[in-house]
Amino acid sequence: MNLKTLTSVAFLSIFVCSGFAQESAGPEKIKRVAVRSTLLDAVGYDARSQTLELVFDSGSVRRLAGVPAAVYKALLAAPSKGKFYHKQLRGKYVATKPPAQ
């Protein structure tokens, strides 16, 4: 291993062990609101962490990181939440499962 690789490994180890990796998942619980949609049952948003939480009609829940508040407001105002999701959200933000609640 060269010095650059060792430095990267050391930084990653410190990053993961320090808890920063878990913090990036967002808050433990996000308040949700029901929406009228054939794709989504509810959505929630945490402005501090810019985390958007989506509850799909299948029951699965996903959190999208780095979503600006304006995008959340546009989702709520969209006549079709499903079309908005597919055009504006899907594949554009990192999606994760929230921690078990």
C-alpha atoms as a PDB file:
ATOM      1  CA  MET A   1       0.000   0.000   0.000  1.00  0.00           C
ATOM      2  CA  ASN A   2       1.192   3.475  -0.730  1.00  0.00           C
ATOM      3  CA  LEU A   3       0.855   6.499   1.565  1.00  0.00           C
ATOM      4  CA  LYS A   4      -2.250   7.806  -0.220  1.00  0.00           C
ATOM      5  CA  THR A   5      -4.067   4.484   0.230  1.00  0.00           C
ATOM      6  CA  LEU A   6      -3.069   4.258   3.895  1.00  0.00           C
ATOM      7  CA  THR A   7      -4.270   7.801   4.520  1.00  0.00           C
ATOM      8  CA  SER A   8      -7.622   7.036   2.848  1.00  0.00           C
ATOM      9  CA  VAL A   9      -8.086   3.849   4.881  1.00  0.00           C
ATOM     10  CA  ALA A  10      -7.200   5.633   8.125  1.00  0.00           C
ATOM     11  CA  PHE A  11      -9.642   8.470   7.394  1.00  0.00           C
ATOM     12  CA  LEU A  12     -12.429   6.036   6.531  1.00  0.00           C
ATOM     13  CA  SER A  13     -11.820   4.065   9.727  1.00  0.00           C
ATOM     14  CA  ILE A  14     -11.991   7.222  11.831  1.00  0.00           C
ATOM     15  CA  PHE A  15     -15.100   8.398   9.955  1.00  0.00           C
ATOM     16  CA  VAL A  16     -17.010   5.142  10.501  1.00  0.00           C
ATOM     17  CA  CYS A  17     -15.857   4.543  14.084  1.00  0.00           C
ATOM     18  CA  SER A  18     -16.649   8.092  15.153  1.00  0.00           C
ATOM     19  CA  GLY A  19     -20.315   7.702  14.282  1.00  0.00           C
ATOM     20  CA  PHE A  20     -20.394  10.231  11.456  1.00  0.00           C
ATOM     21  CA  ALA A  21     -21.554   7.529   9.040  1.00  0.00           C
ATOM     22  CA  GLN A  22     -24.623   6.817  11.148  1.00  0.00           C
ATOM     23  CA  GLU A  23     -25.451  10.503  11.602  1.00  0.00           C
ATOM     24  CA  SER A  24     -25.725  10.975   7.856  1.00  0.00           C
ATOM     25  CA  ALA A  25     -28.803   8.715   7.863  1.00  0.00           C
ATOM     26  CA  GLY A  26     -30.804  11.603   9.316  1.00  0.00           C
ATOM     27  CA  PRO A  27     -32.970  11.914  12.384  1.00  0.00           C
ATOM     28  CA  GLU A  28     -34.439   8.916  14.170  1.00  0.00           C
ATOM     29  CA  LYS A  29     -38.071   9.876  13.536  1.00  0.00           C
ATOM     30  CA  ILE A  30     -39.563  12.222  10.951  1.00  0.00           C
ATOM     31  CA  LYS A  31     -43.123  13.511  11.240  1.00  0.00           C
ATOM     32  CA  ARG A  32     -45.115  12.364   8.215  1.00  0.00           C
ATOM     33  CA  VAL A  33     -48.195  13.690   6.448  1.00  0.00           C
ATOM     34  CA  ALA A  34     -50.606  11.573   4.427  1.00  0.00           C
ATOM     35  CA  VAL A  35     -50.765  12.334   0.707  1.00  0.00           C
ATOM     36  CA  ARG A  36     -53.232  11.461  -2.038  1.00  0.00           C
ATOM     37  CA  SER A  37     -51.292   9.275  -4.422  1.00  0.00           C
ATOM     38  CA  THR A  38     -51.345   5.839  -5.984  1.00  0.00           C
ATOM     39  CA  LEU A  39     -47.598   5.504  -5.337  1.00  0.00           C
ATOM     40  CA  LEU A  40     -47.076   7.184  -1.954  1.00  0.00           C
ATOM     41  CA  ASP A  41     -49.059   6.925   1.281  1.00  0.00           C
ATOM     42  CA  ALA A  42     -47.173   9.566   3.272  1.00  0.00           C
ATOM     43  CA  VAL A  43     -44.158  11.873   3.168  1.00  0.00           C
ATOM     44  CA  GLY A  44     -42.104  13.588   5.831  1.00  0.00           C
ATOM     45  CA  TYR A  45     -39.284  16.099   5.881  1.00  0.00           C
ATOM     46  CA  ASP A  46     -36.581  17.127   8.326  1.00  0.00           C
ATOM     47  CA  ALA A  47     -35.277  20.584   7.372  1.00  0.00           C
ATOM     48  CA  ARG A  48     -32.228  20.424   9.634  1.00  0.00           C
ATOM     49  CA  SER A  49     -30.793  17.373   7.898  1.00  0.00           C
ATOM     50  CA  GLN A  50     -32.563  17.943   4.552  1.00  0.00           C
ATOM     51  CA  THR A  51     -33.966  14.416   4.741  1.00  0.00           C
ATOM     52  CA  LEU A  52     -37.109  13.469   2.836  1.00  0.00           C
ATOM     53  CA  GLU A  53     -38.914  10.341   4.008  1.00  0.00           C
ATOM     54  CA  LEU A  54     -41.233   8.532   1.617  1.00  0.00           C
ATOM     55  CA  VAL A  55     -43.759   5.850   2.577  1.00  0.00           C
ATOM     56  CA  PHE A  56     -44.773   3.885  -0.503  1.00  0.00           C
ATOM     57  CA  ASP A  57     -48.131   2.171  -0.970  1.00  0.00           C
ATOM     58  CA  SER A  58     -46.272  -1.151  -0.729  1.00  0.00           C
ATOM     59  CA  GLY A  59     -45.339  -0.264   2.855  1.00  0.00           C
ATOM     60  CA  SER A  60     -41.644   0.261   2.179  1.00  0.00           C
ATOM     61  CA  VAL A  61     -40.028   3.397   3.562  1.00  0.00           C
ATOM     62  CA  ARG A  62     -37.062   5.240   2.079  1.00  0.00           C
ATOM     63  CA  ARG A  63     -35.150   8.333   3.102  1.00  0.00           C
ATOM     64  CA  LEU A  64     -33.572  10.626   0.559  1.00  0.00           C
ATOM     65  CA  ALA A  65     -30.590  12.673   1.719  1.00  0.00           C
ATOM     66  CA  GLY A  66     -29.756  16.243   0.687  1.00  0.00           C
ATOM     67  CA  VAL A  67     -33.234  17.237  -0.497  1.00  0.00           C
ATOM     68  CA  PRO A  68     -33.819  21.010  -0.368  1.00  0.00           C
ATOM     69  CA  ALA A  69     -36.976  22.261   1.351  1.00  0.00           C
ATOM     70  CA  ALA A  70     -38.200  23.711  -1.955  1.00  0.00           C
ATOM     71  CA  VAL A  71     -38.234  20.219  -3.480  1.00  0.00           C
ATOM     72  CA  TYR A  72     -40.271  18.885  -0.541  1.00  0.00           C
ATOM     73  CA  LYS A  73     -42.767  21.737  -0.931  1.00  0.00           C
ATOM     74  CA  ALA A  74     -42.972  21.086  -4.681  1.00  0.00           C
ATOM     75  CA  LEU A  75     -43.704  17.401  -3.996  1.00  0.00           C
ATOM     76  CA  LEU A  76     -46.555  18.336  -1.669  1.00  0.00           C
ATOM     77  CA  ALA A  77     -47.972  20.747  -4.260  1.00  0.00           C
ATOM     78  CA  ALA A  78     -47.595  18.389  -7.230  1.00  0.00           C
ATOM     79  CA  PRO A  79     -50.852  17.187  -8.767  1.00  0.00           C
ATOM     80  CA  SER A  80     -49.264  13.743  -9.264  1.00  0.00           C
ATOM     81  CA  LYS A  81     -46.905  12.708  -6.465  1.00  0.00           C
ATOM     82  CA  GLY A  82     -45.915   9.584  -8.396  1.00  0.00           C
ATOM     83  CA  LYS A  83     -44.895  11.493 -11.522  1.00  0.00           C
ATOM     84  CA  PHE A  84     -43.002  13.991  -9.375  1.00  0.00           C
ATOM     85  CA  TYR A  85     -41.163  11.154  -7.644  1.00  0.00           C
ATOM     86  CA  HIS A  86     -40.184   9.508 -10.922  1.00  0.00           C
ATOM     87  CA  LYS A  87     -39.093  12.752 -12.629  1.00  0.00           C
ATOM     88  CA  GLN A  88     -37.594  14.765  -9.767  1.00  0.00           C
ATOM     89  CA  LEU A  89     -36.485  12.378  -7.011  1.00  0.00           C
ATOM     90  CA  ARG A  90     -35.814   8.826  -8.158  1.00  0.00           C
ATOM     91  CA  GLY A  91     -32.139   8.284  -8.847  1.00  0.00           C
ATOM     92  CA  LYS A  92     -31.214  11.900  -8.039  1.00  0.00           C
ATOM     93  CA  TYR A  93     -30.741  11.493  -4.284  1.00  0.00           C
ATOM     94  CA  VAL A  94     -29.163   8.786  -2.139  1.00  0.00           C
ATOM     95  CA  ALA A  95     -31.951   6.541  -0.832  1.00  0.00           C
ATOM     96  CA  THR A  96     -31.626   4.562   2.407  1.00  0.00           C
ATOM     97  CA  LYS A  97     -33.908   2.621   4.717  1.00  0.00           C
ATOM     98  CA  PRO A  98     -34.609   4.464   7.988  1.00  0.00           C
ATOM     99  CA  PRO A  99     -33.502   2.919  11.281  1.00  0.00           C
ATOM    100  CA  ALA A 100     -35.989   0.448  12.774  1.00  0.00           C
ATOM    101  CA  GLN A 101     -38.565   2.263  14.878  1.00  0.00           C
END
